[in-house]
Amino acid sequence: MAKLCDMVIDTGVEKEACPLNMAPTSSTTAQLAMGDALAVVLITKKNSEKAIS
């Protein structure tokens, strides 16, 4: 899918916090942080466009 995109944001992690490297701990935290960041950017952009109109 990344090959079809203009931009890719890689949030992969090298190792999970789990000692067995099996439970998705670090990777889920990275995904949550990225989702929050994208939401804030989109809300800010939407509100900026309303202020200009």
PDB file of N, CA and C in Angstrom:
ATOM      1  N   MET A   1       0.820  -1.176   0.000  1.00  0.00           N
ATOM      2  CA  MET A   1       0.000   0.000   0.000  1.00  0.00           C
ATOM      3  C   MET A   1       0.874   1.255   0.000  1.00  0.00           C
ATOM      4  N   ALA A   2       1.982   1.217   0.719  1.00  0.00           N
ATOM      5  CA  ALA A   2       2.853   2.382   0.807  1.00  0.00           C
ATOM      6  C   ALA A   2       3.383   2.795  -0.563  1.00  0.00           C
ATOM      7  N   LYS A   3       3.586   1.848  -1.445  1.00  0.00           N
ATOM      8  CA  LYS A   3       4.104   2.159  -2.776  1.00  0.00           C
ATOM      9  C   LYS A   3       3.111   2.982  -3.588  1.00  0.00           C
ATOM     10  N   LEU A   4       1.839   2.903  -3.269  1.00  0.00           N
ATOM     11  CA  LEU A   4       0.803   3.643  -3.988  1.00  0.00           C
ATOM     12  C   LEU A   4       0.550   5.029  -3.395  1.00  0.00           C
ATOM     13  N   CYS A   5       1.179   5.329  -2.290  1.00  0.00           N
ATOM     14  CA  CYS A   5       0.939   6.596  -1.596  1.00  0.00           C
ATOM     15  C   CYS A   5       2.000   7.632  -1.935  1.00  0.00           C
ATOM     16  N   ASP A   6       1.619   8.902  -1.812  1.00  0.00           N
ATOM     17  CA  ASP A   6       2.567   9.995  -1.995  1.00  0.00           C
ATOM     18  C   ASP A   6       3.443  10.180  -0.762  1.00  0.00           C
ATOM     19  N   MET A   7       2.903   9.846   0.406  1.00  0.00           N
ATOM     20  CA  MET A   7       3.629  10.042   1.654  1.00  0.00           C
ATOM     21  C   MET A   7       3.335   8.879   2.594  1.00  0.00           C
ATOM     22  N   VAL A   8       4.343   8.463   3.333  1.00  0.00           N
ATOM     23  CA  VAL A   8       4.193   7.376   4.302  1.00  0.00           C
ATOM     24  C   VAL A   8       4.745   7.843   5.636  1.00  0.00           C
ATOM     25  N   ILE A   9       3.996   7.632   6.692  1.00  0.00           N
ATOM     26  CA  ILE A   9       4.468   7.937   8.038  1.00  0.00           C
ATOM     27  C   ILE A   9       4.690   6.604   8.739  1.00  0.00           C
ATOM     28  N   ASP A  10       5.941   6.238   8.904  1.00  0.00           N
ATOM     29  CA  ASP A  10       6.286   4.947   9.507  1.00  0.00           C
ATOM     30  C   ASP A  10       6.295   5.066  11.022  1.00  0.00           C
ATOM     31  N   THR A  11       5.398   4.368  11.674  1.00  0.00           N
ATOM     32  CA  THR A  11       5.357   4.372  13.141  1.00  0.00           C
ATOM     33  C   THR A  11       5.775   3.015  13.699  1.00  0.00           C
ATOM     34  N   GLY A  12       6.530   2.286  12.918  1.00  0.00           N
ATOM     35  CA  GLY A  12       6.996   0.972  13.365  1.00  0.00           C
ATOM     36  C   GLY A  12       7.969   1.074  14.526  1.00  0.00           C
ATOM     37  N   VAL A  13       8.008   0.050  15.319  1.00  0.00           N
ATOM     38  CA  VAL A  13       8.944  -0.007  16.452  1.00  0.00           C
ATOM     39  C   VAL A  13       9.849  -1.227  16.272  1.00  0.00           C
ATOM     40  N   GLU A  14      11.063  -1.111  16.751  1.00  0.00           N
ATOM     41  CA  GLU A  14      12.004  -2.228  16.611  1.00  0.00           C
ATOM     42  C   GLU A  14      11.712  -3.347  17.586  1.00  0.00           C
ATOM     43  N   LYS A  15      11.266  -2.986  18.789  1.00  0.00           N
ATOM     44  CA  LYS A  15      11.039  -4.006  19.808  1.00  0.00           C
ATOM     45  C   LYS A  15       9.896  -3.563  20.706  1.00  0.00           C
ATOM     46  N   GLU A  16       9.044  -4.499  21.044  1.00  0.00           N
ATOM     47  CA  GLU A  16       7.953  -4.228  21.974  1.00  0.00           C
ATOM     48  C   GLU A  16       8.486  -4.196  23.402  1.00  0.00           C
ATOM     49  N   ALA A  17       7.739  -3.581  24.301  1.00  0.00           N
ATOM     50  CA  ALA A  17       8.149  -3.524  25.706  1.00  0.00           C
ATOM     51  C   ALA A  17       8.031  -4.885  26.389  1.00  0.00           C
ATOM     52  N   CYS A  18       7.204  -5.747  25.836  1.00  0.00           N
ATOM     53  CA  CYS A  18       7.020  -7.091  26.377  1.00  0.00           C
ATOM     54  C   CYS A  18       8.346  -7.853  26.332  1.00  0.00           C
ATOM     55  N   PRO A  19       8.747  -8.500  27.409  1.00  0.00           N
ATOM     56  CA  PRO A  19      10.013  -9.240  27.418  1.00  0.00           C
ATOM     57  C   PRO A  19      10.076 -10.338  26.344  1.00  0.00           C
ATOM     58  N   LEU A  20       8.931 -10.861  25.944  1.00  0.00           N
ATOM     59  CA  LEU A  20       8.896 -11.892  24.914  1.00  0.00           C
ATOM     60  C   LEU A  20       8.722 -11.298  23.511  1.00  0.00           C
ATOM     61  N   ASN A  21       8.618  -9.964  23.444  1.00  0.00           N
ATOM     62  CA  ASN A  21       8.428  -9.235  22.190  1.00  0.00           C
ATOM     63  C   ASN A  21       7.174  -9.707  21.447  1.00  0.00           C
ATOM     64  N   MET A  22       6.149 -10.086  22.214  1.00  0.00           N
ATOM     65  CA  MET A  22       4.926 -10.614  21.608  1.00  0.00           C
ATOM     66  C   MET A  22       3.719  -9.709  21.824  1.00  0.00           C
ATOM     67  N   ALA A  23       3.568  -9.167  23.027  1.00  0.00           N
ATOM     68  CA  ALA A  23       2.408  -8.309  23.305  1.00  0.00           C
ATOM     69  C   ALA A  23       2.624  -6.944  22.664  1.00  0.00           C
ATOM     70  N   PRO A  24       1.655  -6.481  21.886  1.00  0.00           N
ATOM     71  CA  PRO A  24       1.807  -5.196  21.203  1.00  0.00           C
ATOM     72  C   PRO A  24       1.662  -4.028  22.180  1.00  0.00           C
ATOM     73  N   THR A  25       2.749  -3.610  22.766  1.00  0.00           N
ATOM     74  CA  THR A  25       2.722  -2.527  23.750  1.00  0.00           C
ATOM     75  C   THR A  25       3.253  -1.234  23.137  1.00  0.00           C
ATOM     76  N   SER A  26       4.486  -1.247  22.711  1.00  0.00           N
ATOM     77  CA  SER A  26       5.103  -0.048  22.119  1.00  0.00           C
ATOM     78  C   SER A  26       4.436   0.324  20.797  1.00  0.00           C
ATOM     79  N   SER A  27       4.113  -0.667  19.982  1.00  0.00           N
ATOM     80  CA  SER A  27       3.521  -0.384  18.672  1.00  0.00           C
ATOM     81  C   SER A  27       2.126   0.207  18.800  1.00  0.00           C
ATOM     82  N   THR A  28       1.336  -0.269  19.760  1.00  0.00           N
ATOM     83  CA  THR A  28      -0.002   0.296  19.924  1.00  0.00           C
ATOM     84  C   THR A  28       0.078   1.716  20.471  1.00  0.00           C
ATOM     85  N   THR A  29       1.037   1.967  21.346  1.00  0.00           N
ATOM     86  CA  THR A  29       1.232   3.323  21.868  1.00  0.00           C
ATOM     87  C   THR A  29       1.630   4.266  20.743  1.00  0.00           C
ATOM     88  N   ALA A  30       2.510   3.819  19.847  1.00  0.00           N
ATOM     89  CA  ALA A  30       2.926   4.638  18.711  1.00  0.00           C
ATOM     90  C   ALA A  30       1.743   4.940  17.797  1.00  0.00           C
ATOM     91  N   GLN A  31       0.898   3.955  17.567  1.00  0.00           N
ATOM     92  CA  GLN A  31      -0.274   4.164  16.715  1.00  0.00           C
ATOM     93  C   GLN A  31      -1.270   5.135  17.355  1.00  0.00           C
ATOM     94  N   LEU A  32      -1.476   5.015  18.664  1.00  0.00           N
ATOM     95  CA  LEU A  32      -2.378   5.937  19.365  1.00  0.00           C
ATOM     96  C   LEU A  32      -1.852   7.366  19.291  1.00  0.00           C
ATOM     97  N   ALA A  33      -0.551   7.538  19.505  1.00  0.00           N
ATOM     98  CA  ALA A  33       0.046   8.869  19.444  1.00  0.00           C
ATOM     99  C   ALA A  33      -0.090   9.463  18.042  1.00  0.00           C
ATOM    100  N   MET A  34       0.142   8.669  17.018  1.00  0.00           N
ATOM    101  CA  MET A  34       0.017   9.161  15.646  1.00  0.00           C
ATOM    102  C   MET A  34      -1.433   9.516  15.329  1.00  0.00           C
ATOM    103  N   GLY A  35      -2.366   8.689  15.759  1.00  0.00           N
ATOM    104  CA  GLY A  35      -3.779   8.984  15.540  1.00  0.00           C
ATOM    105  C   GLY A  35      -4.191  10.280  16.220  1.00  0.00           C
ATOM    106  N   ASP A  36      -3.728  10.485  17.440  1.00  0.00           N
ATOM    107  CA  ASP A  36      -4.039  11.724  18.164  1.00  0.00           C
ATOM    108  C   ASP A  36      -3.441  12.927  17.444  1.00  0.00           C
ATOM    109  N   ALA A  37      -2.198  12.802  17.005  1.00  0.00           N
ATOM    110  CA  ALA A  37      -1.529  13.902  16.307  1.00  0.00           C
ATOM    111  C   ALA A  37      -2.250  14.257  15.010  1.00  0.00           C
ATOM    112  N   LEU A  38      -2.645  13.246  14.251  1.00  0.00           N
ATOM    113  CA  LEU A  38      -3.376  13.499  13.006  1.00  0.00           C
ATOM    114  C   LEU A  38      -4.729  14.163  13.285  1.00  0.00           C
ATOM    115  N   ALA A  39      -5.409  13.722  14.325  1.00  0.00           N
ATOM    116  CA  ALA A  39      -6.700  14.316  14.679  1.00  0.00           C
ATOM    117  C   ALA A  39      -6.543  15.789  15.041  1.00  0.00           C
ATOM    118  N   VAL A  40      -5.528  16.122  15.822  1.00  0.00           N
ATOM    119  CA  VAL A  40      -5.293  17.509  16.222  1.00  0.00           C
ATOM    120  C   VAL A  40      -4.989  18.374  15.003  1.00  0.00           C
ATOM    121  N   VAL A  41      -4.163  17.873  14.100  1.00  0.00           N
ATOM    122  CA  VAL A  41      -3.825  18.632  12.890  1.00  0.00           C
ATOM    123  C   VAL A  41      -5.065  18.881  12.039  1.00  0.00           C
ATOM    124  N   LEU A  42      -5.871  17.854  11.850  1.00  0.00           N
ATOM    125  CA  LEU A  42      -7.065  18.004  11.017  1.00  0.00           C
ATOM    126  C   LEU A  42      -8.094  18.938  11.649  1.00  0.00           C
ATOM    127  N   ILE A  43      -8.272  18.854  12.956  1.00  0.00           N
ATOM    128  CA  ILE A  43      -9.206  19.753  13.651  1.00  0.00           C
ATOM    129  C   ILE A  43      -8.710  21.187  13.553  1.00  0.00           C
ATOM    130  N   THR A  44      -7.407  21.395  13.755  1.00  0.00           N
ATOM    131  CA  THR A  44      -6.820  22.732  13.660  1.00  0.00           C
ATOM    132  C   THR A  44      -6.992  23.295  12.260  1.00  0.00           C
ATOM    133  N   LYS A  45      -6.742  22.472  11.255  1.00  0.00           N
ATOM    134  CA  LYS A  45      -6.900  22.907   9.869  1.00  0.00           C
ATOM    135  C   LYS A  45      -8.353  23.269   9.576  1.00  0.00           C
ATOM    136  N   LYS A  46      -9.275  22.453  10.040  1.00  0.00           N
ATOM    137  CA  LYS A  46     -10.696  22.706   9.812  1.00  0.00           C
ATOM    138  C   LYS A  46     -11.125  24.010  10.474  1.00  0.00           C
ATOM    139  N   ASN A  47     -10.669  24.235  11.706  1.00  0.00           N
ATOM    140  CA  ASN A  47     -11.017  25.458  12.418  1.00  0.00           C
ATOM    141  C   ASN A  47     -10.380  26.683  11.777  1.00  0.00           C
ATOM    142  N   SER A  48      -9.187  26.560  11.239  1.00  0.00           N
ATOM    143  CA  SER A  48      -8.522  27.666  10.551  1.00  0.00           C
ATOM    144  C   SER A  48      -9.271  28.043   9.294  1.00  0.00           C
ATOM    145  N   GLU A  49      -9.747  27.047   8.561  1.00  0.00           N
ATOM    146  CA  GLU A  49     -10.494  27.320   7.344  1.00  0.00           C
ATOM    147  C   GLU A  49     -11.826  28.002   7.649  1.00  0.00           C
ATOM    148  N   LYS A  50     -12.462  27.652   8.773  1.00  0.00           N
ATOM    149  CA  LYS A  50     -13.706  28.315   9.176  1.00  0.00           C
ATOM    150  C   LYS A  50     -13.456  29.777   9.503  1.00  0.00           C
ATOM    151  N   ALA A  51     -12.324  30.069  10.175  1.00  0.00           N
ATOM    152  CA  ALA A  51     -12.010  31.431  10.567  1.00  0.00           C
ATOM    153  C   ALA A  51     -11.745  32.316   9.351  1.00  0.00           C
ATOM    154  N   ILE A  52     -11.197  31.737   8.298  1.00  0.00           N
ATOM    155  CA  ILE A  52     -10.893  32.484   7.088  1.00  0.00           C
ATOM    156  C   ILE A  52     -12.162  32.779   6.302  1.00  0.00           C
ATOM    157  N   SER A  53     -13.107  31.875   6.318  1.00  0.00           N
ATOM    158  CA  SER A  53     -14.342  32.031   5.522  1.00  0.00           C
ATOM    159  C   SER A  53     -15.219  33.143   6.015  1.00  0.00           C
TER     160      SER A  53
END
